[in-house]
Amino acid sequence: MDGIHDMGGSRDFPAVLTERDEAVFHAEWEARAFVLSNAYTGAGCANVDQFRHAIERLDPAAYIGDGYFGRWLGSIELMIAEANDQVIPGRYSDLSAARKIDAVPRFGVGDTVRTKNHNPPGHTRLPGYVRNRTGRVELLHGGWVYPDTHAHHEGENPEHVYSVRFDGDELWGADAEPGTSVTVDLFESYLEPT
């Protein structure tokens, strides 16, 4: 799903500014939104992939204007509205997404891989700026719940996850800062051999 949430690595956006010694919360309501979001998912009312997908579906103006914890609050509000008062605590009790997989990983450290042009209508953890790009596997992370199906009640379907390094010029061409690279953790079904 492409949307305003997937602007990382995109051109024409201003740099992210950071504050030295920045406070975790800038206002009391942010701390409350944090606690509410963690209570909702921690009680098993939704899984982390449903939470992320709800954030992706926020109105673009709200996504930009409401800030980080405003998005968290908006996500919980959206999930509660969609649940139509049918929220069942305890439904998602396993908070760890790591899973044992018997299948052998398809790729190994040092393999050159290409990302697919994977753009499903729902949730995906494949950023738009690395689609159809070639990189090198740097690390294997074992099996993890596949978010593309988990966010939509279609099962955990665990897959191997790989850290893949992309050179900056592969992602941004001649405009890339020399020597720049980005490493992204990607699920096996996002990748194909070159």
C-alpha atoms as a PDB file:
ATOM      1  CA  MET A   1       0.000   0.000   0.000  1.00  0.00           C
ATOM      2  CA  ASP A   2       1.554   3.251  -1.085  1.00  0.00           C
ATOM      3  CA  GLY A   3       0.658   6.339   0.892  1.00  0.00           C
ATOM      4  CA  ILE A   4       1.971   9.275   2.845  1.00  0.00           C
ATOM      5  CA  HIS A   5       3.395   6.908   5.484  1.00  0.00           C
ATOM      6  CA  ASP A   6       5.914   5.547   2.939  1.00  0.00           C
ATOM      7  CA  MET A   7       7.857   8.721   2.255  1.00  0.00           C
ATOM      8  CA  GLY A   8      11.189   7.481   3.643  1.00  0.00           C
ATOM      9  CA  GLY A   9      13.908   7.655   1.027  1.00  0.00           C
ATOM     10  CA  SER A  10      11.739   9.825  -1.219  1.00  0.00           C
ATOM     11  CA  ARG A  11      12.901  13.010  -2.884  1.00  0.00           C
ATOM     12  CA  ASP A  12      11.753  16.550  -2.174  1.00  0.00           C
ATOM     13  CA  PHE A  13      11.006  16.152   1.533  1.00  0.00           C
ATOM     14  CA  PRO A  14      12.860  18.262   4.080  1.00  0.00           C
ATOM     15  CA  ALA A  15      15.495  16.758   6.339  1.00  0.00           C
ATOM     16  CA  VAL A  16      14.331  15.326   9.650  1.00  0.00           C
ATOM     17  CA  LEU A  17      15.351  17.748  12.366  1.00  0.00           C
ATOM     18  CA  THR A  18      16.347  16.396  15.759  1.00  0.00           C
ATOM     19  CA  GLU A  19      16.530  18.223  19.056  1.00  0.00           C
ATOM     20  CA  ARG A  20      19.559  17.783  21.295  1.00  0.00           C
ATOM     21  CA  ASP A  21      18.418  16.043  24.512  1.00  0.00           C
ATOM     22  CA  GLU A  22      14.872  15.898  23.173  1.00  0.00           C
ATOM     23  CA  ALA A  23      12.197  14.856  25.673  1.00  0.00           C
ATOM     24  CA  VAL A  24      10.405  11.573  24.963  1.00  0.00           C
ATOM     25  CA  PHE A  25       7.049  13.301  25.357  1.00  0.00           C
ATOM     26  CA  HIS A  26       6.430  16.962  24.578  1.00  0.00           C
ATOM     27  CA  ALA A  27       3.036  17.042  26.274  1.00  0.00           C
ATOM     28  CA  GLU A  28       1.136  14.942  28.797  1.00  0.00           C
ATOM     29  CA  TRP A  29      -1.367  13.753  26.170  1.00  0.00           C
ATOM     30  CA  GLU A  30       1.488  12.123  24.212  1.00  0.00           C
ATOM     31  CA  ALA A  31       2.387   9.984  27.225  1.00  0.00           C
ATOM     32  CA  ARG A  32      -1.280   9.019  27.581  1.00  0.00           C
ATOM     33  CA  ALA A  33      -1.529   8.099  23.886  1.00  0.00           C
ATOM     34  CA  PHE A  34       1.583   5.938  24.302  1.00  0.00           C
ATOM     35  CA  VAL A  35       0.095   4.136  27.317  1.00  0.00           C
ATOM     36  CA  LEU A  36      -3.288   3.694  25.610  1.00  0.00           C
ATOM     37  CA  SER A  37      -1.715   2.252  22.448  1.00  0.00           C
ATOM     38  CA  ASN A  38       0.441  -0.164  24.414  1.00  0.00           C
ATOM     39  CA  ALA A  39      -2.500  -1.172  26.594  1.00  0.00           C
ATOM     40  CA  TYR A  40      -4.679  -1.838  23.528  1.00  0.00           C
ATOM     41  CA  THR A  41      -2.119  -3.989  21.745  1.00  0.00           C
ATOM     42  CA  GLY A  42      -0.692  -5.428  24.974  1.00  0.00           C
ATOM     43  CA  ALA A  43      -4.152  -6.602  26.030  1.00  0.00           C
ATOM     44  CA  GLY A  44      -4.310  -8.507  22.768  1.00  0.00           C
ATOM     45  CA  CYS A  45      -6.997  -6.369  21.107  1.00  0.00           C
ATOM     46  CA  ALA A  46      -4.859  -5.959  17.968  1.00  0.00           C
ATOM     47  CA  ASN A  47      -1.486  -7.075  16.703  1.00  0.00           C
ATOM     48  CA  VAL A  48       1.362  -4.741  15.791  1.00  0.00           C
ATOM     49  CA  ASP A  49       0.755  -5.208  12.062  1.00  0.00           C
ATOM     50  CA  GLN A  50      -2.894  -4.172  12.402  1.00  0.00           C
ATOM     51  CA  PHE A  51      -1.700  -1.155  14.392  1.00  0.00           C
ATOM     52  CA  ARG A  52       0.779  -0.163  11.661  1.00  0.00           C
ATOM     53  CA  HIS A  53      -1.794  -0.705   8.919  1.00  0.00           C
ATOM     54  CA  ALA A  54      -4.279   1.541  10.755  1.00  0.00           C
ATOM     55  CA  ILE A  55      -1.616   4.280  10.888  1.00  0.00           C
ATOM     56  CA  GLU A  56      -1.109   3.868   7.126  1.00  0.00           C
ATOM     57  CA  ARG A  57      -4.827   4.444   6.533  1.00  0.00           C
ATOM     58  CA  LEU A  58      -5.054   7.729   8.413  1.00  0.00           C
ATOM     59  CA  ASP A  59      -6.029  10.805   6.432  1.00  0.00           C
ATOM     60  CA  PRO A  60      -2.786  12.191   4.903  1.00  0.00           C
ATOM     61  CA  ALA A  61      -3.368  15.618   6.463  1.00  0.00           C
ATOM     62  CA  ALA A  62      -3.810  14.000   9.891  1.00  0.00           C
ATOM     63  CA  TYR A  63      -0.758  11.823   9.324  1.00  0.00           C
ATOM     64  CA  ILE A  64       1.406  14.880   8.658  1.00  0.00           C
ATOM     65  CA  GLY A  65      -0.237  17.281  11.100  1.00  0.00           C
ATOM     66  CA  ASP A  66      -0.931  15.130  14.152  1.00  0.00           C
ATOM     67  CA  GLY A  67       2.666  14.142  14.884  1.00  0.00           C
ATOM     68  CA  TYR A  68       4.086  10.849  16.043  1.00  0.00           C
ATOM     69  CA  PHE A  69       1.865  10.130  19.041  1.00  0.00           C
ATOM     70  CA  GLY A  70      -1.122  11.693  17.316  1.00  0.00           C
ATOM     71  CA  ARG A  71      -0.767   8.940  14.715  1.00  0.00           C
ATOM     72  CA  TRP A  72      -0.725   6.350  17.484  1.00  0.00           C
ATOM     73  CA  LEU A  73      -3.924   7.778  18.946  1.00  0.00           C
ATOM     74  CA  GLY A  74      -5.554   8.001  15.507  1.00  0.00           C
ATOM     75  CA  SER A  75      -4.642   4.376  14.841  1.00  0.00           C
ATOM     76  CA  ILE A  76      -6.318   3.179  18.035  1.00  0.00           C
ATOM     77  CA  GLU A  77      -9.396   5.305  17.317  1.00  0.00           C
ATOM     78  CA  LEU A  78      -9.643   3.836  13.810  1.00  0.00           C
ATOM     79  CA  MET A  79      -9.284   0.240  15.009  1.00  0.00           C
ATOM     80  CA  ILE A  80     -11.904   0.711  17.726  1.00  0.00           C
ATOM     81  CA  ALA A  81     -14.326   2.300  15.230  1.00  0.00           C
ATOM     82  CA  GLU A  82     -13.768  -0.539  12.749  1.00  0.00           C
ATOM     83  CA  ALA A  83     -14.203  -3.172  15.469  1.00  0.00           C
ATOM     84  CA  ASN A  84     -17.743  -1.804  15.933  1.00  0.00           C
ATOM     85  CA  ASP A  85     -17.525  -2.394  19.709  1.00  0.00           C
ATOM     86  CA  GLN A  86     -16.477  -5.999  19.107  1.00  0.00           C
ATOM     87  CA  VAL A  87     -13.009  -5.589  20.672  1.00  0.00           C
ATOM     88  CA  ILE A  88     -12.025  -8.885  22.305  1.00  0.00           C
ATOM     89  CA  PRO A  89      -9.069  -8.574  24.703  1.00  0.00           C
ATOM     90  CA  GLY A  90      -6.659 -11.478  24.614  1.00  0.00           C
ATOM     91  CA  ARG A  91      -7.170 -12.375  20.971  1.00  0.00           C
ATOM     92  CA  TYR A  92      -3.525 -11.602  20.139  1.00  0.00           C
ATOM     93  CA  SER A  93      -1.580 -12.761  23.165  1.00  0.00           C
ATOM     94  CA  ASP A  94       1.830 -13.581  21.631  1.00  0.00           C
ATOM     95  CA  LEU A  95       3.683 -10.279  21.589  1.00  0.00           C
ATOM     96  CA  SER A  96       6.857 -11.736  20.063  1.00  0.00           C
ATOM     97  CA  ALA A  97       6.858 -11.963  16.262  1.00  0.00           C
ATOM     98  CA  ALA A  98       9.828 -14.380  16.086  1.00  0.00           C
ATOM     99  CA  ARG A  99       8.879 -17.829  14.810  1.00  0.00           C
ATOM    100  CA  LYS A 100      10.744 -21.087  14.176  1.00  0.00           C
ATOM    101  CA  ILE A 101      10.806 -22.034  10.495  1.00  0.00           C
ATOM    102  CA  ASP A 102      11.843 -25.482   9.274  1.00  0.00           C
ATOM    103  CA  ALA A 103      12.483 -24.333   5.699  1.00  0.00           C
ATOM    104  CA  VAL A 104      16.061 -23.496   4.759  1.00  0.00           C
ATOM    105  CA  PRO A 105      16.630 -19.797   3.944  1.00  0.00           C
ATOM    106  CA  ARG A 106      16.533 -19.169   0.205  1.00  0.00           C
ATOM    107  CA  PHE A 107      19.401 -16.643   0.384  1.00  0.00           C
ATOM    108  CA  GLY A 108      22.678 -16.450   2.263  1.00  0.00           C
ATOM    109  CA  VAL A 109      25.034 -13.727   3.442  1.00  0.00           C
ATOM    110  CA  GLY A 110      26.782 -12.198   0.431  1.00  0.00           C
ATOM    111  CA  ASP A 111      24.056 -13.129  -2.069  1.00  0.00           C
ATOM    112  CA  THR A 112      22.974 -10.427  -4.487  1.00  0.00           C
ATOM    113  CA  VAL A 113      19.188 -10.077  -4.532  1.00  0.00           C
ATOM    114  CA  ARG A 114      16.623  -7.883  -6.214  1.00  0.00           C
ATOM    115  CA  THR A 115      13.465  -6.649  -4.552  1.00  0.00           C
ATOM    116  CA  LYS A 116      10.196  -7.291  -6.278  1.00  0.00           C
ATOM    117  CA  ASN A 117       7.788  -4.556  -7.301  1.00  0.00           C
ATOM    118  CA  HIS A 118       5.551  -5.663  -4.442  1.00  0.00           C
ATOM    119  CA  ASN A 119       2.707  -3.214  -3.887  1.00  0.00           C
ATOM    120  CA  PRO A 120      -0.317  -4.982  -2.407  1.00  0.00           C
ATOM    121  CA  PRO A 121      -3.551  -3.088  -1.756  1.00  0.00           C
ATOM    122  CA  GLY A 122      -3.068  -3.571   2.007  1.00  0.00           C
ATOM    123  CA  HIS A 123      -0.163  -3.561   4.431  1.00  0.00           C
ATOM    124  CA  THR A 124       3.434  -4.268   3.437  1.00  0.00           C
ATOM    125  CA  ARG A 125       6.795  -3.695   5.102  1.00  0.00           C
ATOM    126  CA  LEU A 126       8.601  -3.276   1.756  1.00  0.00           C
ATOM    127  CA  PRO A 127       9.393   0.451   1.431  1.00  0.00           C
ATOM    128  CA  GLY A 128       8.587   1.961  -1.956  1.00  0.00           C
ATOM    129  CA  TYR A 129      12.056   3.417  -2.467  1.00  0.00           C
ATOM    130  CA  VAL A 130      13.722  -0.026  -2.417  1.00  0.00           C
ATOM    131  CA  ARG A 131      11.307  -1.751  -4.814  1.00  0.00           C
ATOM    132  CA  ASN A 132      12.923  -3.096  -8.001  1.00  0.00           C
ATOM    133  CA  ARG A 133      16.390  -2.461  -6.571  1.00  0.00           C
ATOM    134  CA  THR A 134      19.454  -4.684  -6.258  1.00  0.00           C
ATOM    135  CA  GLY A 135      21.277  -5.182  -2.970  1.00  0.00           C
ATOM    136  CA  ARG A 136      23.419  -7.637  -1.045  1.00  0.00           C
ATOM    137  CA  VAL A 137      22.345  -9.828   1.883  1.00  0.00           C
ATOM    138  CA  GLU A 138      24.301  -8.771   4.983  1.00  0.00           C
ATOM    139  CA  LEU A 139      22.589 -10.792   7.726  1.00  0.00           C
ATOM    140  CA  LEU A 140      19.931 -13.455   8.290  1.00  0.00           C
ATOM    141  CA  HIS A 141      17.442 -12.899  11.131  1.00  0.00           C
ATOM    142  CA  GLY A 142      15.541 -16.206  11.182  1.00  0.00           C
ATOM    143  CA  GLY A 143      11.777 -16.545  10.982  1.00  0.00           C
ATOM    144  CA  TRP A 144       9.297 -13.763  11.714  1.00  0.00           C
ATOM    145  CA  VAL A 145       5.537 -13.291  11.353  1.00  0.00           C
ATOM    146  CA  TYR A 146       4.778 -12.045   7.828  1.00  0.00           C
ATOM    147  CA  PRO A 147       3.100  -8.642   8.337  1.00  0.00           C
ATOM    148  CA  ASP A 148       1.441  -8.507   4.903  1.00  0.00           C
ATOM    149  CA  THR A 149      -0.989 -11.259   5.921  1.00  0.00           C
ATOM    150  CA  HIS A 150      -0.945 -10.787   9.700  1.00  0.00           C
ATOM    151  CA  ALA A 151      -2.381  -7.261   9.411  1.00  0.00           C
ATOM    152  CA  HIS A 152      -5.450  -8.639   7.598  1.00  0.00           C
ATOM    153  CA  HIS A 153      -6.327 -11.702   9.740  1.00  0.00           C
ATOM    154  CA  GLU A 154      -4.858 -14.009   7.058  1.00  0.00           C
ATOM    155  CA  GLY A 155      -2.482 -15.886   9.348  1.00  0.00           C
ATOM    156  CA  GLU A 156       1.062 -15.452  10.573  1.00  0.00           C
ATOM    157  CA  ASN A 157       2.739 -17.212   7.599  1.00  0.00           C
ATOM    158  CA  PRO A 158       6.264 -16.747   9.035  1.00  0.00           C
ATOM    159  CA  GLU A 159       9.146 -16.132   6.643  1.00  0.00           C
ATOM    160  CA  HIS A 160      12.884 -15.670   6.825  1.00  0.00           C
ATOM    161  CA  VAL A 161      13.991 -12.045   7.186  1.00  0.00           C
ATOM    162  CA  TYR A 162      17.216 -10.665   5.719  1.00  0.00           C
ATOM    163  CA  SER A 163      19.166  -7.441   6.211  1.00  0.00           C
ATOM    164  CA  VAL A 164      19.871  -6.235   2.668  1.00  0.00           C
ATOM    165  CA  ARG A 165      22.321  -3.405   1.957  1.00  0.00           C
ATOM    166  CA  PHE A 166      21.599  -1.092  -0.965  1.00  0.00           C
ATOM    167  CA  ASP A 167      24.186   1.325  -2.305  1.00  0.00           C
ATOM    168  CA  GLY A 168      22.959   4.909  -2.462  1.00  0.00           C
ATOM    169  CA  ASP A 169      23.493   5.188  -6.200  1.00  0.00           C
ATOM    170  CA  GLU A 170      21.283   2.115  -6.703  1.00  0.00           C
ATOM    171  CA  LEU A 171      18.483   3.884  -4.843  1.00  0.00           C
ATOM    172  CA  TRP A 172      18.930   7.520  -5.901  1.00  0.00           C
ATOM    173  CA  GLY A 173      21.263   7.444  -8.900  1.00  0.00           C
ATOM    174  CA  ALA A 174      23.800  10.209  -9.433  1.00  0.00           C
ATOM    175  CA  ASP A 175      22.098  12.385  -6.783  1.00  0.00           C
ATOM    176  CA  ALA A 176      23.166  10.025  -3.989  1.00  0.00           C
ATOM    177  CA  GLU A 177      25.780  11.168  -1.532  1.00  0.00           C
ATOM    178  CA  PRO A 178      29.025   9.304  -2.400  1.00  0.00           C
ATOM    179  CA  GLY A 179      29.595   6.205  -0.294  1.00  0.00           C
ATOM    180  CA  THR A 180      26.047   6.169   1.069  1.00  0.00           C
ATOM    181  CA  SER A 181      24.293   2.871   1.698  1.00  0.00           C
ATOM    182  CA  VAL A 182      21.060   1.863   3.402  1.00  0.00           C
ATOM    183  CA  THR A 183      20.348  -1.480   5.069  1.00  0.00           C
ATOM    184  CA  VAL A 184      16.723  -2.647   5.180  1.00  0.00           C
ATOM    185  CA  ASP A 185      15.262  -5.741   6.849  1.00  0.00           C
ATOM    186  CA  LEU A 186      13.168  -7.565   4.237  1.00  0.00           C
ATOM    187  CA  PHE A 187      10.991 -10.656   4.148  1.00  0.00           C
ATOM    188  CA  GLU A 188      11.933 -13.500   1.839  1.00  0.00           C
ATOM    189  CA  SER A 189       8.909 -13.136  -0.446  1.00  0.00           C
ATOM    190  CA  TYR A 190       9.995  -9.553  -1.233  1.00  0.00           C
ATOM    191  CA  LEU A 191      13.230 -10.836  -2.764  1.00  0.00           C
ATOM    192  CA  GLU A 192      14.345 -12.723  -5.846  1.00  0.00           C
ATOM    193  CA  PRO A 193      17.773 -13.864  -7.021  1.00  0.00           C
ATOM    194  CA  THR A 194      19.572 -11.690  -9.573  1.00  0.00           C
END
